[in-house]
Amino acid sequence: MPTLQLNHADVDGAVVVFATISEPVTKTVMVDVPGAHGSLDLSTALTGGAPMFEMRTLDAQILVWDKTPQARLRDLLTHWHGQVADINVDGRAGFWRGRLALTGGTTHGTVAGLQLQASVDPWRWNDTDTVISVAGSPAGANAVLPAVPIAVSPAVKVTGAAVTVTASGTTWQLKAGFTGRLDGLRLSTVDPTPVTVTGTATVAFSWREGALL
């Protein structure tokens, strides 16, 4: 049986007996179009046409071993109930992210039952970020950010002097040491995104990918 992991660390003495995840449900925001037939779906207006999904429900039955299982259950509920966490219930790569609801169950000797339910993001996230670094040049260094499974806005970090970044038809003037996201820069799920870095700094683009597993 896999060990319960929360925020990428094993929960001591807690194993997963059974776990299920609800199916992904497409999210739509339908608006009537005046003077035309049918409706317009606005849900993808900010994702470049990529579909959006409702939150999903993760359910798991947990067994907890301890000399004093009721005290152990109280500790777990006190620390984790209502918290947002990265959750792994099957030991595979990746994790679900959502808000936990924990319910303590029956105790038999040194074993206690624990019910876990969480409303999680539709995507099972990768364990690590994807990072692409581009070393700028005074004449402009060109690079390509790949198409991604989920339309995301990458984090940007500038190492070195002020620099100019151009992508998706927009240009940003970034100060030395800038860290953050660029308004209007969003990676496509269909086509790669060419970028140009003008200056002597190195610019790192990073994002977390996931899948509808």
N, C-alpha and C. Protein backbone atom coordinates (compact mmCIF):
# COMPACT_ATOMS: atom_id res chain seq x y z
N MET A 1 0.85 -1.19 0.00
CA MET A 1 0.00 0.00 0.00
C MET A 1 0.88 1.24 0.00
N PRO A 2 0.55 2.26 -0.82
CA PRO A 2 1.38 3.46 -0.87
C PRO A 2 1.26 4.29 0.40
N THR A 3 2.32 5.01 0.69
CA THR A 3 2.35 5.92 1.83
C THR A 3 1.66 7.23 1.46
N LEU A 4 0.89 7.79 2.37
CA LEU A 4 0.30 9.11 2.15
C LEU A 4 1.41 10.15 2.19
N GLN A 5 1.44 11.01 1.15
CA GLN A 5 2.40 12.10 1.10
C GLN A 5 1.66 13.44 1.05
N LEU A 6 2.03 14.35 1.91
CA LEU A 6 1.50 15.71 1.92
C LEU A 6 2.66 16.69 1.84
N ASN A 7 2.56 17.60 0.87
CA ASN A 7 3.65 18.56 0.62
C ASN A 7 4.99 17.85 0.44
N HIS A 8 4.94 16.72 -0.31
CA HIS A 8 6.13 16.00 -0.76
C HIS A 8 6.91 15.33 0.37
N ALA A 9 6.24 15.05 1.46
CA ALA A 9 6.86 14.32 2.57
C ALA A 9 5.92 13.23 3.04
N ASP A 10 6.47 12.04 3.36
CA ASP A 10 5.64 10.95 3.87
C ASP A 10 5.02 11.36 5.21
N VAL A 11 3.74 11.00 5.38
CA VAL A 11 3.09 11.14 6.67
C VAL A 11 3.38 9.86 7.44
N ASP A 12 4.13 9.95 8.53
CA ASP A 12 4.60 8.78 9.27
C ASP A 12 3.42 7.90 9.69
N GLY A 13 3.55 6.60 9.36
CA GLY A 13 2.57 5.63 9.80
C GLY A 13 1.24 5.70 9.10
N ALA A 14 1.14 6.43 7.99
CA ALA A 14 -0.14 6.56 7.27
C ALA A 14 -0.01 5.93 5.88
N VAL A 15 -0.88 4.96 5.57
CA VAL A 15 -0.87 4.32 4.27
C VAL A 15 -2.25 4.44 3.64
N VAL A 16 -2.27 4.43 2.32
CA VAL A 16 -3.50 4.61 1.56
C VAL A 16 -4.07 3.25 1.19
N VAL A 17 -5.30 2.98 1.65
CA VAL A 17 -5.97 1.72 1.34
C VAL A 17 -6.67 1.81 -0.01
N PHE A 18 -7.30 2.95 -0.27
CA PHE A 18 -8.10 3.09 -1.48
C PHE A 18 -8.21 4.57 -1.81
N ALA A 19 -8.14 4.93 -3.10
CA ALA A 19 -8.25 6.33 -3.50
C ALA A 19 -8.93 6.44 -4.86
N THR A 20 -9.75 7.47 -5.04
CA THR A 20 -10.39 7.74 -6.32
C THR A 20 -10.31 9.23 -6.61
N ILE A 21 -10.34 9.57 -7.90
CA ILE A 21 -10.37 10.95 -8.34
C ILE A 21 -11.51 11.09 -9.34
N SER A 22 -12.35 12.11 -9.18
CA SER A 22 -13.48 12.30 -10.08
C SER A 22 -13.00 12.65 -11.48
N GLU A 23 -13.85 12.39 -12.46
CA GLU A 23 -13.51 12.68 -13.85
C GLU A 23 -13.46 14.19 -14.09
N PRO A 24 -12.59 14.66 -15.01
CA PRO A 24 -12.55 16.09 -15.33
C PRO A 24 -13.81 16.51 -16.09
N VAL A 25 -14.40 17.62 -15.66
CA VAL A 25 -15.61 18.15 -16.28
C VAL A 25 -15.27 19.50 -16.91
N THR A 26 -15.57 19.66 -18.19
CA THR A 26 -15.27 20.90 -18.90
C THR A 26 -16.08 22.06 -18.32
N LYS A 27 -15.41 23.19 -18.15
CA LYS A 27 -16.05 24.39 -17.64
C LYS A 27 -16.42 25.30 -18.80
N THR A 28 -17.64 25.79 -18.81
CA THR A 28 -18.09 26.70 -19.86
C THR A 28 -18.74 27.93 -19.23
N VAL A 29 -18.60 29.05 -19.91
CA VAL A 29 -19.27 30.30 -19.52
C VAL A 29 -19.98 30.81 -20.76
N MET A 30 -21.23 30.43 -20.91
CA MET A 30 -21.97 30.73 -22.13
C MET A 30 -22.68 32.08 -22.02
N VAL A 31 -22.54 32.90 -23.09
CA VAL A 31 -23.17 34.22 -23.14
C VAL A 31 -23.90 34.33 -24.47
N ASP A 32 -25.16 34.78 -24.43
CA ASP A 32 -25.92 34.99 -25.66
C ASP A 32 -25.31 36.12 -26.48
N VAL A 33 -25.28 35.94 -27.79
CA VAL A 33 -24.74 36.95 -28.70
C VAL A 33 -25.90 37.70 -29.33
N PRO A 34 -26.06 39.00 -29.03
CA PRO A 34 -27.18 39.77 -29.61
C PRO A 34 -27.15 39.76 -31.13
N GLY A 35 -28.28 39.52 -31.73
CA GLY A 35 -28.39 39.56 -33.18
C GLY A 35 -27.80 38.38 -33.90
N ALA A 36 -27.47 37.31 -33.15
CA ALA A 36 -26.88 36.12 -33.79
C ALA A 36 -27.49 34.87 -33.18
N HIS A 37 -27.35 33.76 -33.89
CA HIS A 37 -27.85 32.49 -33.39
C HIS A 37 -26.83 31.87 -32.42
N GLY A 38 -27.33 31.18 -31.40
CA GLY A 38 -26.45 30.45 -30.50
C GLY A 38 -25.81 31.34 -29.44
N SER A 39 -24.82 30.77 -28.75
CA SER A 39 -24.14 31.45 -27.65
C SER A 39 -22.63 31.37 -27.84
N LEU A 40 -21.93 32.23 -27.10
CA LEU A 40 -20.47 32.28 -27.17
C LEU A 40 -19.90 31.78 -25.84
N ASP A 41 -18.93 30.88 -25.91
CA ASP A 41 -18.28 30.35 -24.71
C ASP A 41 -17.08 31.23 -24.36
N LEU A 42 -17.18 31.94 -23.22
CA LEU A 42 -16.11 32.85 -22.81
C LEU A 42 -15.06 32.17 -21.93
N SER A 43 -15.25 30.91 -21.62
CA SER A 43 -14.35 30.25 -20.66
C SER A 43 -12.92 30.17 -21.16
N THR A 44 -12.71 30.17 -22.47
CA THR A 44 -11.36 30.04 -23.01
C THR A 44 -10.78 31.37 -23.47
N ALA A 45 -11.44 32.47 -23.15
CA ALA A 45 -10.99 33.78 -23.64
C ALA A 45 -9.59 34.13 -23.16
N LEU A 46 -9.22 33.66 -21.94
CA LEU A 46 -7.91 33.99 -21.38
C LEU A 46 -6.91 32.85 -21.49
N THR A 47 -7.27 31.78 -22.19
CA THR A 47 -6.38 30.62 -22.27
C THR A 47 -5.91 30.35 -23.69
N GLY A 48 -6.18 31.26 -24.62
CA GLY A 48 -5.77 31.03 -26.00
C GLY A 48 -6.53 29.90 -26.67
N GLY A 49 -7.74 29.64 -26.19
CA GLY A 49 -8.56 28.58 -26.77
C GLY A 49 -8.46 27.24 -26.07
N ALA A 50 -7.55 27.10 -25.10
CA ALA A 50 -7.42 25.84 -24.37
C ALA A 50 -8.63 25.64 -23.46
N PRO A 51 -9.11 24.41 -23.32
CA PRO A 51 -10.29 24.17 -22.47
C PRO A 51 -9.99 24.42 -21.00
N MET A 52 -11.03 24.78 -20.26
CA MET A 52 -10.95 24.91 -18.82
C MET A 52 -11.77 23.81 -18.17
N PHE A 53 -11.43 23.46 -16.94
CA PHE A 53 -12.10 22.36 -16.25
C PHE A 53 -12.49 22.77 -14.84
N GLU A 54 -13.56 22.15 -14.35
CA GLU A 54 -13.98 22.36 -12.97
C GLU A 54 -12.99 21.68 -12.03
N MET A 55 -13.02 22.09 -10.76
CA MET A 55 -12.23 21.39 -9.74
C MET A 55 -12.72 19.94 -9.64
N ARG A 56 -11.82 19.06 -9.22
CA ARG A 56 -12.15 17.64 -9.10
C ARG A 56 -12.12 17.23 -7.62
N THR A 57 -12.71 16.07 -7.33
CA THR A 57 -12.77 15.60 -5.95
C THR A 57 -11.90 14.36 -5.78
N LEU A 58 -10.97 14.44 -4.84
CA LEU A 58 -10.11 13.33 -4.48
C LEU A 58 -10.60 12.72 -3.17
N ASP A 59 -10.86 11.42 -3.17
CA ASP A 59 -11.27 10.70 -1.97
C ASP A 59 -10.26 9.61 -1.68
N ALA A 60 -9.91 9.44 -0.41
CA ALA A 60 -8.97 8.39 -0.04
C ALA A 60 -9.29 7.86 1.35
N GLN A 61 -9.14 6.55 1.50
CA GLN A 61 -9.26 5.91 2.81
C GLN A 61 -7.86 5.59 3.31
N ILE A 62 -7.55 6.07 4.52
CA ILE A 62 -6.20 5.99 5.08
C ILE A 62 -6.23 5.15 6.36
N LEU A 63 -5.18 4.37 6.57
CA LEU A 63 -4.95 3.72 7.85
C LEU A 63 -3.75 4.35 8.52
N VAL A 64 -3.88 4.61 9.82
CA VAL A 64 -2.81 5.24 10.59
C VAL A 64 -2.39 4.31 11.72
N TRP A 65 -1.09 4.02 11.79
CA TRP A 65 -0.53 3.19 12.87
C TRP A 65 0.14 4.09 13.90
N ASP A 66 -0.14 3.85 15.19
CA ASP A 66 0.51 4.58 16.27
C ASP A 66 0.18 3.91 17.60
N LYS A 67 1.05 4.08 18.60
CA LYS A 67 0.75 3.53 19.92
C LYS A 67 -0.52 4.15 20.49
N THR A 68 -0.74 5.41 20.18
CA THR A 68 -1.97 6.09 20.62
C THR A 68 -2.65 6.67 19.37
N PRO A 69 -3.37 5.83 18.61
CA PRO A 69 -3.90 6.27 17.31
C PRO A 69 -4.86 7.45 17.40
N GLN A 70 -5.67 7.54 18.45
CA GLN A 70 -6.59 8.67 18.55
C GLN A 70 -5.82 9.98 18.69
N ALA A 71 -4.74 9.96 19.48
CA ALA A 71 -3.92 11.16 19.60
C ALA A 71 -3.27 11.51 18.26
N ARG A 72 -2.87 10.47 17.54
CA ARG A 72 -2.26 10.70 16.22
C ARG A 72 -3.27 11.31 15.26
N LEU A 73 -4.51 10.82 15.29
CA LEU A 73 -5.56 11.40 14.45
C LEU A 73 -5.80 12.86 14.80
N ARG A 74 -5.83 13.16 16.09
CA ARG A 74 -6.03 14.56 16.49
C ARG A 74 -4.91 15.45 15.98
N ASP A 75 -3.68 14.94 16.03
CA ASP A 75 -2.55 15.72 15.52
C ASP A 75 -2.70 15.99 14.02
N LEU A 76 -3.09 14.96 13.27
CA LEU A 76 -3.25 15.11 11.82
C LEU A 76 -4.35 16.10 11.48
N LEU A 77 -5.49 15.98 12.17
CA LEU A 77 -6.60 16.89 11.90
C LEU A 77 -6.23 18.32 12.26
N THR A 78 -5.53 18.49 13.39
CA THR A 78 -5.13 19.83 13.82
C THR A 78 -4.19 20.48 12.81
N HIS A 79 -3.27 19.68 12.28
CA HIS A 79 -2.24 20.22 11.39
C HIS A 79 -2.73 20.39 9.96
N TRP A 80 -3.58 19.47 9.46
CA TRP A 80 -3.87 19.42 8.03
C TRP A 80 -5.30 19.76 7.64
N HIS A 81 -6.26 19.58 8.52
CA HIS A 81 -7.65 19.80 8.13
C HIS A 81 -7.87 21.25 7.70
N GLY A 82 -8.42 21.43 6.50
CA GLY A 82 -8.68 22.76 5.96
C GLY A 82 -7.50 23.41 5.27
N GLN A 83 -6.34 22.75 5.29
CA GLN A 83 -5.15 23.32 4.66
C GLN A 83 -5.09 22.97 3.16
N VAL A 84 -4.46 23.85 2.39
CA VAL A 84 -4.16 23.56 0.99
C VAL A 84 -2.81 22.86 0.94
N ALA A 85 -2.74 21.73 0.26
CA ALA A 85 -1.51 20.94 0.25
C ALA A 85 -1.32 20.25 -1.10
N ASP A 86 -0.08 19.82 -1.35
CA ASP A 86 0.23 18.93 -2.46
C ASP A 86 0.03 17.50 -1.95
N ILE A 87 -0.76 16.70 -2.68
CA ILE A 87 -1.22 15.41 -2.16
C ILE A 87 -0.81 14.30 -3.12
N ASN A 88 -0.22 13.24 -2.57
CA ASN A 88 0.09 12.05 -3.35
C ASN A 88 -0.45 10.84 -2.59
N VAL A 89 -1.33 10.08 -3.25
CA VAL A 89 -1.95 8.93 -2.59
C VAL A 89 -1.66 7.61 -3.29
N ASP A 90 -0.79 7.63 -4.32
CA ASP A 90 -0.51 6.39 -5.05
C ASP A 90 0.97 6.10 -5.26
N GLY A 91 1.85 6.98 -4.79
CA GLY A 91 3.28 6.74 -4.90
C GLY A 91 3.87 7.00 -6.27
N ARG A 92 3.05 7.42 -7.24
CA ARG A 92 3.57 7.71 -8.58
C ARG A 92 4.11 9.14 -8.62
N ALA A 93 4.80 9.46 -9.70
CA ALA A 93 5.30 10.82 -9.88
C ALA A 93 4.13 11.79 -10.02
N GLY A 94 4.34 13.02 -9.55
CA GLY A 94 3.30 14.03 -9.66
C GLY A 94 2.41 14.08 -8.42
N PHE A 95 1.55 15.09 -8.37
CA PHE A 95 0.71 15.28 -7.20
C PHE A 95 -0.54 16.07 -7.57
N TRP A 96 -1.54 15.96 -6.72
CA TRP A 96 -2.75 16.78 -6.80
C TRP A 96 -2.59 17.92 -5.80
N ARG A 97 -3.15 19.09 -6.11
CA ARG A 97 -3.09 20.22 -5.18
C ARG A 97 -4.51 20.66 -4.84
N GLY A 98 -4.83 20.71 -3.54
CA GLY A 98 -6.16 21.13 -3.15
C GLY A 98 -6.30 21.28 -1.65
N ARG A 99 -7.52 21.64 -1.23
CA ARG A 99 -7.81 21.86 0.18
C ARG A 99 -8.32 20.58 0.81
N LEU A 100 -7.72 20.21 1.94
CA LEU A 100 -8.00 18.93 2.59
C LEU A 100 -9.19 19.03 3.54
N ALA A 101 -9.97 17.97 3.56
CA ALA A 101 -10.98 17.76 4.60
C ALA A 101 -10.73 16.37 5.17
N LEU A 102 -10.41 16.28 6.45
CA LEU A 102 -10.06 15.02 7.10
C LEU A 102 -11.10 14.66 8.15
N THR A 103 -11.43 13.36 8.22
CA THR A 103 -12.37 12.87 9.21
C THR A 103 -11.79 11.62 9.86
N GLY A 104 -11.64 11.64 11.19
CA GLY A 104 -11.14 10.49 11.91
C GLY A 104 -12.19 9.40 12.00
N GLY A 105 -11.75 8.15 11.92
CA GLY A 105 -12.67 7.02 11.94
C GLY A 105 -12.48 6.12 13.14
N THR A 106 -12.85 4.85 12.97
CA THR A 106 -12.81 3.87 14.05
C THR A 106 -11.38 3.45 14.38
N THR A 107 -11.13 3.23 15.68
CA THR A 107 -9.83 2.77 16.14
C THR A 107 -9.90 1.31 16.56
N HIS A 108 -8.92 0.51 16.11
CA HIS A 108 -8.79 -0.89 16.50
C HIS A 108 -7.37 -1.12 16.98
N GLY A 109 -7.17 -1.18 18.29
CA GLY A 109 -5.83 -1.35 18.84
C GLY A 109 -4.94 -0.18 18.50
N THR A 110 -3.89 -0.45 17.72
CA THR A 110 -2.95 0.61 17.35
C THR A 110 -3.22 1.17 15.96
N VAL A 111 -4.35 0.82 15.37
CA VAL A 111 -4.68 1.26 14.01
C VAL A 111 -5.96 2.10 14.04
N ALA A 112 -5.95 3.19 13.29
CA ALA A 112 -7.12 4.06 13.19
C ALA A 112 -7.40 4.36 11.72
N GLY A 113 -8.67 4.56 11.41
CA GLY A 113 -9.07 4.93 10.05
C GLY A 113 -9.11 6.44 9.90
N LEU A 114 -8.81 6.92 8.70
CA LEU A 114 -8.85 8.34 8.40
C LEU A 114 -9.41 8.51 6.99
N GLN A 115 -10.43 9.36 6.87
CA GLN A 115 -11.02 9.64 5.57
C GLN A 115 -10.49 10.98 5.07
N LEU A 116 -9.93 10.97 3.87
CA LEU A 116 -9.41 12.19 3.26
C LEU A 116 -10.27 12.54 2.06
N GLN A 117 -10.70 13.79 2.00
CA GLN A 117 -11.38 14.31 0.81
C GLN A 117 -10.78 15.67 0.49
N ALA A 118 -10.58 15.94 -0.79
CA ALA A 118 -9.98 17.21 -1.18
C ALA A 118 -10.57 17.67 -2.50
N SER A 119 -10.85 18.96 -2.58
CA SER A 119 -11.22 19.59 -3.84
C SER A 119 -9.92 20.06 -4.49
N VAL A 120 -9.56 19.42 -5.61
CA VAL A 120 -8.22 19.61 -6.17
C VAL A 120 -8.28 20.24 -7.56
N ASP A 121 -7.14 20.82 -7.98
CA ASP A 121 -7.02 21.32 -9.35
C ASP A 121 -7.32 20.19 -10.32
N PRO A 122 -7.83 20.51 -11.50
CA PRO A 122 -8.12 19.44 -12.47
C PRO A 122 -6.88 18.70 -12.95
N TRP A 123 -5.72 19.33 -12.83
CA TRP A 123 -4.48 18.76 -13.35
C TRP A 123 -3.69 18.07 -12.26
N ARG A 124 -3.09 16.94 -12.59
CA ARG A 124 -2.07 16.34 -11.72
C ARG A 124 -0.74 16.98 -12.11
N TRP A 125 -0.14 17.71 -11.17
CA TRP A 125 1.03 18.52 -11.46
C TRP A 125 2.32 17.70 -11.44
N ASN A 126 3.28 18.10 -12.27
CA ASN A 126 4.61 17.51 -12.24
C ASN A 126 5.32 17.87 -10.94
N ASP A 127 6.27 17.06 -10.53
CA ASP A 127 6.99 17.31 -9.28
C ASP A 127 7.95 18.50 -9.37
N THR A 128 8.42 18.82 -10.56
CA THR A 128 9.40 19.90 -10.73
C THR A 128 8.97 20.85 -11.84
N ASP A 129 9.51 22.06 -11.80
CA ASP A 129 9.25 23.04 -12.84
C ASP A 129 10.04 22.73 -14.10
N THR A 130 9.51 23.15 -15.23
CA THR A 130 10.27 23.20 -16.47
C THR A 130 10.91 24.58 -16.55
N VAL A 131 12.22 24.62 -16.82
CA VAL A 131 12.95 25.89 -16.84
C VAL A 131 13.73 26.00 -18.15
N ILE A 132 13.57 27.15 -18.83
CA ILE A 132 14.37 27.45 -20.02
C ILE A 132 15.04 28.79 -19.79
N SER A 133 16.39 28.80 -19.86
CA SER A 133 17.16 30.03 -19.67
C SER A 133 17.67 30.53 -21.01
N VAL A 134 17.55 31.83 -21.21
CA VAL A 134 17.99 32.45 -22.46
C VAL A 134 19.03 33.52 -22.13
N ALA A 135 20.24 33.34 -22.65
CA ALA A 135 21.31 34.33 -22.47
C ALA A 135 21.13 35.42 -23.52
N GLY A 136 20.89 36.64 -23.07
CA GLY A 136 20.66 37.74 -24.00
C GLY A 136 21.91 38.19 -24.71
N SER A 137 21.71 38.99 -25.75
CA SER A 137 22.83 39.61 -26.47
C SER A 137 22.40 41.01 -26.89
N PRO A 138 23.36 41.92 -27.10
CA PRO A 138 23.00 43.29 -27.51
C PRO A 138 22.20 43.32 -28.81
N ALA A 139 22.44 42.34 -29.69
CA ALA A 139 21.71 42.31 -30.97
C ALA A 139 20.38 41.57 -30.85
N GLY A 140 20.15 40.91 -29.71
CA GLY A 140 18.92 40.16 -29.51
C GLY A 140 19.14 38.67 -29.71
N ALA A 141 18.93 37.90 -28.66
CA ALA A 141 19.07 36.44 -28.73
C ALA A 141 17.68 35.83 -28.84
N ASN A 142 17.50 34.94 -29.80
CA ASN A 142 16.21 34.32 -30.05
C ASN A 142 16.13 32.92 -29.43
N ALA A 143 14.97 32.58 -28.92
CA ALA A 143 14.72 31.26 -28.36
C ALA A 143 13.25 30.94 -28.54
N VAL A 144 12.89 29.71 -28.25
CA VAL A 144 11.51 29.27 -28.41
C VAL A 144 11.05 28.57 -27.14
N LEU A 145 9.92 29.00 -26.59
CA LEU A 145 9.30 28.31 -25.46
C LEU A 145 8.27 27.34 -26.04
N PRO A 146 8.29 26.07 -25.64
CA PRO A 146 7.46 25.06 -26.30
C PRO A 146 5.98 25.21 -25.98
N ALA A 147 5.16 24.60 -26.83
CA ALA A 147 3.74 24.47 -26.50
C ALA A 147 3.60 23.59 -25.26
N VAL A 148 2.59 23.84 -24.45
CA VAL A 148 2.46 23.18 -23.16
C VAL A 148 1.10 22.50 -23.05
N PRO A 149 0.98 21.48 -22.19
CA PRO A 149 -0.32 20.82 -22.02
C PRO A 149 -1.38 21.73 -21.42
N ILE A 150 -0.97 22.67 -20.55
CA ILE A 150 -1.87 23.61 -19.91
C ILE A 150 -1.41 25.01 -20.24
N ALA A 151 -2.33 25.88 -20.65
CA ALA A 151 -1.96 27.26 -20.92
C ALA A 151 -1.53 27.93 -19.61
N VAL A 152 -0.26 28.31 -19.52
CA VAL A 152 0.27 28.87 -18.27
C VAL A 152 1.00 30.17 -18.55
N SER A 153 1.11 30.99 -17.50
CA SER A 153 1.92 32.20 -17.55
C SER A 153 3.23 31.90 -16.84
N PRO A 154 4.35 31.85 -17.55
CA PRO A 154 5.61 31.44 -16.90
C PRO A 154 6.13 32.51 -15.95
N ALA A 155 6.83 32.08 -14.91
CA ALA A 155 7.57 33.00 -14.05
C ALA A 155 8.84 33.39 -14.78
N VAL A 156 9.25 34.64 -14.58
CA VAL A 156 10.42 35.17 -15.27
C VAL A 156 11.40 35.69 -14.23
N LYS A 157 12.69 35.34 -14.41
CA LYS A 157 13.75 35.81 -13.51
C LYS A 157 14.91 36.34 -14.33
N VAL A 158 15.31 37.57 -14.04
CA VAL A 158 16.42 38.21 -14.74
C VAL A 158 17.67 38.12 -13.87
N THR A 159 18.73 37.56 -14.43
CA THR A 159 20.02 37.51 -13.74
C THR A 159 20.99 38.40 -14.50
N GLY A 160 21.35 39.52 -13.90
CA GLY A 160 22.24 40.46 -14.56
C GLY A 160 21.58 41.83 -14.70
N ALA A 161 21.98 42.55 -15.74
CA ALA A 161 21.55 43.93 -15.94
C ALA A 161 20.12 44.00 -16.48
N ALA A 162 19.63 45.22 -16.65
CA ALA A 162 18.31 45.43 -17.26
C ALA A 162 18.30 44.81 -18.65
N VAL A 163 17.11 44.38 -19.07
CA VAL A 163 17.02 43.63 -20.32
C VAL A 163 15.65 43.88 -20.95
N THR A 164 15.57 43.64 -22.26
CA THR A 164 14.31 43.76 -22.99
C THR A 164 13.88 42.38 -23.46
N VAL A 165 12.63 42.03 -23.21
CA VAL A 165 12.08 40.75 -23.64
C VAL A 165 10.91 41.02 -24.59
N THR A 166 10.93 40.33 -25.71
CA THR A 166 9.85 40.45 -26.69
C THR A 166 9.26 39.07 -26.95
N ALA A 167 7.93 38.96 -26.87
CA ALA A 167 7.23 37.70 -27.14
C ALA A 167 5.76 38.00 -27.34
N SER A 168 5.13 37.19 -28.17
CA SER A 168 3.68 37.30 -28.40
C SER A 168 3.29 38.72 -28.83
N GLY A 169 4.17 39.38 -29.59
CA GLY A 169 3.86 40.71 -30.10
C GLY A 169 3.95 41.82 -29.06
N THR A 170 4.51 41.54 -27.90
CA THR A 170 4.63 42.53 -26.83
C THR A 170 6.08 42.62 -26.38
N THR A 171 6.50 43.82 -25.98
CA THR A 171 7.86 44.04 -25.49
C THR A 171 7.80 44.54 -24.05
N TRP A 172 8.65 43.95 -23.21
CA TRP A 172 8.73 44.35 -21.80
C TRP A 172 10.15 44.83 -21.51
N GLN A 173 10.26 45.96 -20.80
CA GLN A 173 11.53 46.46 -20.31
C GLN A 173 11.67 46.00 -18.85
N LEU A 174 12.62 45.11 -18.56
CA LEU A 174 12.75 44.53 -17.24
C LEU A 174 13.99 45.05 -16.54
N LYS A 175 13.84 45.40 -15.27
CA LYS A 175 14.95 45.89 -14.48
C LYS A 175 15.89 44.75 -14.10
N ALA A 176 17.10 45.11 -13.71
CA ALA A 176 18.05 44.11 -13.22
C ALA A 176 17.48 43.40 -12.00
N GLY A 177 17.57 42.06 -12.01
CA GLY A 177 17.09 41.27 -10.88
C GLY A 177 15.59 41.07 -10.85
N PHE A 178 14.88 41.45 -11.91
CA PHE A 178 13.41 41.29 -11.93
C PHE A 178 13.01 39.83 -11.71
N THR A 179 11.99 39.62 -10.88
CA THR A 179 11.39 38.31 -10.69
C THR A 179 9.87 38.48 -10.66
N GLY A 180 9.17 37.76 -11.51
CA GLY A 180 7.71 37.87 -11.54
C GLY A 180 7.16 37.33 -12.84
N ARG A 181 5.92 37.71 -13.14
CA ARG A 181 5.25 37.30 -14.37
C ARG A 181 5.00 38.52 -15.24
N LEU A 182 4.99 38.31 -16.55
CA LEU A 182 4.82 39.41 -17.50
C LEU A 182 3.38 39.45 -17.96
N ASP A 183 2.75 40.59 -17.78
CA ASP A 183 1.36 40.76 -18.19
C ASP A 183 1.22 40.53 -19.69
N GLY A 184 0.44 39.54 -20.08
CA GLY A 184 0.22 39.24 -21.49
C GLY A 184 1.02 38.07 -22.02
N LEU A 185 2.01 37.58 -21.25
CA LEU A 185 2.80 36.42 -21.71
C LEU A 185 2.16 35.15 -21.18
N ARG A 186 1.65 34.34 -22.08
CA ARG A 186 1.01 33.08 -21.72
C ARG A 186 1.38 32.04 -22.77
N LEU A 187 1.90 30.92 -22.34
CA LEU A 187 2.32 29.88 -23.28
C LEU A 187 1.10 29.21 -23.89
N SER A 188 1.23 28.88 -25.16
CA SER A 188 0.12 28.30 -25.91
C SER A 188 0.11 26.77 -25.78
N THR A 189 -1.07 26.19 -25.87
CA THR A 189 -1.20 24.73 -25.92
C THR A 189 -1.11 24.21 -27.35
N VAL A 190 -1.01 25.12 -28.32
CA VAL A 190 -1.03 24.73 -29.73
C VAL A 190 0.32 24.98 -30.40
N ASP A 191 0.86 26.19 -30.26
CA ASP A 191 2.06 26.58 -30.98
C ASP A 191 3.17 27.00 -30.02
N PRO A 192 4.45 26.81 -30.41
CA PRO A 192 5.56 27.34 -29.61
C PRO A 192 5.49 28.87 -29.55
N THR A 193 6.17 29.44 -28.56
CA THR A 193 6.20 30.89 -28.37
C THR A 193 7.62 31.41 -28.56
N PRO A 194 7.92 32.08 -29.70
CA PRO A 194 9.25 32.65 -29.89
C PRO A 194 9.47 33.82 -28.93
N VAL A 195 10.68 33.93 -28.38
CA VAL A 195 11.04 35.06 -27.51
C VAL A 195 12.39 35.60 -27.95
N THR A 196 12.57 36.91 -27.72
CA THR A 196 13.84 37.57 -28.01
C THR A 196 14.28 38.31 -26.76
N VAL A 197 15.53 38.09 -26.36
CA VAL A 197 16.10 38.75 -25.18
C VAL A 197 17.23 39.65 -25.66
N THR A 198 17.03 40.96 -25.47
CA THR A 198 18.01 41.94 -25.91
C THR A 198 18.68 42.57 -24.69
N GLY A 199 19.99 42.42 -24.59
CA GLY A 199 20.75 42.90 -23.44
C GLY A 199 21.77 41.85 -23.05
N THR A 200 22.45 42.08 -21.95
CA THR A 200 23.52 41.17 -21.54
C THR A 200 23.10 40.24 -20.40
N ALA A 201 21.86 40.32 -19.95
CA ALA A 201 21.39 39.49 -18.84
C ALA A 201 20.91 38.14 -19.34
N THR A 202 20.79 37.20 -18.41
CA THR A 202 20.17 35.91 -18.68
C THR A 202 18.76 35.92 -18.10
N VAL A 203 17.80 35.47 -18.89
CA VAL A 203 16.40 35.46 -18.47
C VAL A 203 15.94 34.00 -18.39
N ALA A 204 15.44 33.60 -17.21
CA ALA A 204 14.94 32.23 -17.03
C ALA A 204 13.41 32.26 -17.03
N PHE A 205 12.82 31.39 -17.83
CA PHE A 205 11.37 31.21 -17.88
C PHE A 205 11.06 29.86 -17.22
N SER A 206 10.17 29.85 -16.25
CA SER A 206 9.86 28.59 -15.56
C SER A 206 8.36 28.45 -15.38
N TRP A 207 7.89 27.19 -15.44
CA TRP A 207 6.47 26.91 -15.26
C TRP A 207 6.30 25.46 -14.84
N ARG A 208 5.16 25.16 -14.26
CA ARG A 208 4.84 23.79 -13.83
C ARG A 208 3.82 23.21 -14.81
N GLU A 209 4.10 22.01 -15.30
CA GLU A 209 3.20 21.33 -16.23
C GLU A 209 2.41 20.25 -15.50
N GLY A 210 1.33 19.81 -16.13
CA GLY A 210 0.50 18.78 -15.54
C GLY A 210 -0.29 18.07 -16.62
N ALA A 211 -1.11 17.11 -16.19
CA ALA A 211 -1.89 16.32 -17.14
C ALA A 211 -3.20 15.89 -16.47
N LEU A 212 -4.20 15.60 -17.32
CA LEU A 212 -5.49 15.15 -16.81
C LEU A 212 -5.45 13.64 -16.61
N LEU A 213 -4.68 13.19 -15.62
CA LEU A 213 -4.52 11.75 -15.37
C LEU A 213 -5.66 11.24 -14.51
